[in-house]
Protein backbone atom coordinates (compact mmCIF):
# COMPACT_ATOMS: atom_id res chain seq x y z
CA UNK A 1 81.10 167.82 12.31
CA UNK A 2 81.32 164.67 10.31
CA UNK A 3 78.02 163.09 11.85
CA UNK A 4 76.27 166.19 10.96
CA UNK A 5 77.18 165.53 7.28
CA UNK A 6 76.02 162.05 7.53
CA UNK A 7 72.63 163.31 8.90
CA UNK A 8 72.35 165.99 5.76
CA UNK A 9 73.29 163.23 3.01
CA UNK A 10 70.83 160.94 4.35
CA UNK A 11 68.25 163.57 4.18
CA UNK A 12 69.20 164.56 0.84
CA UNK A 13 68.98 161.01 -0.34
CA UNK A 14 65.60 160.33 0.88
CA UNK A 15 64.30 164.01 -0.50
CA UNK A 16 66.24 164.75 -3.53
CA UNK A 17 65.42 162.34 -6.54
CA UNK A 18 68.19 163.29 -8.64
CA UNK A 19 70.80 162.56 -5.81
CA UNK A 20 69.22 159.41 -5.15
CA UNK A 21 69.44 158.31 -8.82
CA UNK A 22 73.15 159.54 -9.30
CA UNK A 23 74.11 157.95 -6.00
CA UNK A 24 72.52 154.47 -6.67
CA UNK A 25 74.16 154.57 -10.18
CA UNK A 26 77.71 155.70 -9.06
CA UNK A 27 77.98 156.07 -5.29
CA UNK A 28 81.69 156.77 -4.68
CA UNK A 29 81.59 159.33 -7.58
CA UNK A 30 78.52 161.05 -6.21
CA UNK A 31 80.22 161.07 -2.89
CA UNK A 32 83.41 162.64 -4.18
CA UNK A 33 81.39 165.72 -5.86
CA UNK A 34 79.50 166.19 -2.64
CA UNK A 35 83.03 166.17 -0.86
CA UNK A 36 84.41 168.75 -3.37
CA UNK A 37 81.02 170.73 -2.16
CA UNK A 38 82.30 170.68 1.59
CA UNK A 39 80.54 167.61 2.70
CA UNK A 40 83.05 165.80 5.36
CA UNK A 41 82.87 162.05 5.44
CA UNK A 42 85.16 159.56 6.93
CA UNK A 43 86.21 156.63 5.14
CA UNK A 44 84.13 154.55 7.60
CA UNK A 45 81.04 156.66 6.93
CA UNK A 46 81.65 156.32 3.13
CA UNK A 47 81.83 152.63 3.46
CA UNK A 48 78.74 152.59 5.45
CA UNK A 49 76.82 154.76 2.95
CA UNK A 50 77.86 152.81 -0.09
CA UNK A 51 77.21 149.45 1.46
CA UNK A 52 74.00 150.15 2.58
CA UNK A 53 71.34 148.69 -0.02
CA UNK A 54 70.44 151.70 -2.38
CA UNK A 55 66.98 150.64 -2.54
CA UNK A 56 66.30 151.73 0.81
CA UNK A 57 66.70 155.58 0.18
CA UNK A 58 63.69 154.93 -2.60
CA UNK A 59 61.62 153.06 -0.07
CA UNK A 60 61.94 155.72 2.35
CA UNK A 61 61.23 158.64 -0.02
CA UNK A 62 58.11 156.69 -1.07
CA UNK A 63 56.75 157.08 2.25
CA UNK A 64 57.45 160.71 2.64
CA UNK A 65 54.54 163.40 1.45
CA UNK A 66 55.38 164.46 -2.37
CA UNK A 67 55.85 168.10 -1.13
CA UNK A 68 58.79 167.32 1.09
CA UNK A 69 60.70 166.16 -1.76
CA UNK A 70 62.59 167.45 -4.88
CA UNK A 71 61.50 165.88 -7.98
CA UNK A 72 64.15 165.57 -11.11
CA UNK A 73 62.69 166.79 -14.21
CA UNK A 74 65.38 164.68 -16.10
CA UNK A 75 64.51 161.40 -17.85
CA UNK A 76 65.46 158.34 -16.02
CA UNK A 77 68.20 156.72 -18.44
CA UNK A 78 67.14 153.49 -16.99
CA UNK A 79 63.49 153.53 -17.57
CA UNK A 80 62.26 151.56 -20.64
């Protein structure tokens, strides 16, 4: 079942701007919150996700049509 959760999480990382932002700022905390919501990940999967260059998710998202993405209405705290 864990592989299914990895696939769903990767899908959310490339389609959900808010989740992507939270994950890039605090990956362990974001994964812990998702775990509390029922997203089952092994320690190895967590390590693999955290060690992946977080810019990858944004690069993939930029290639997707906007209608396939969920945008965030919250201001980006890292924006100038």
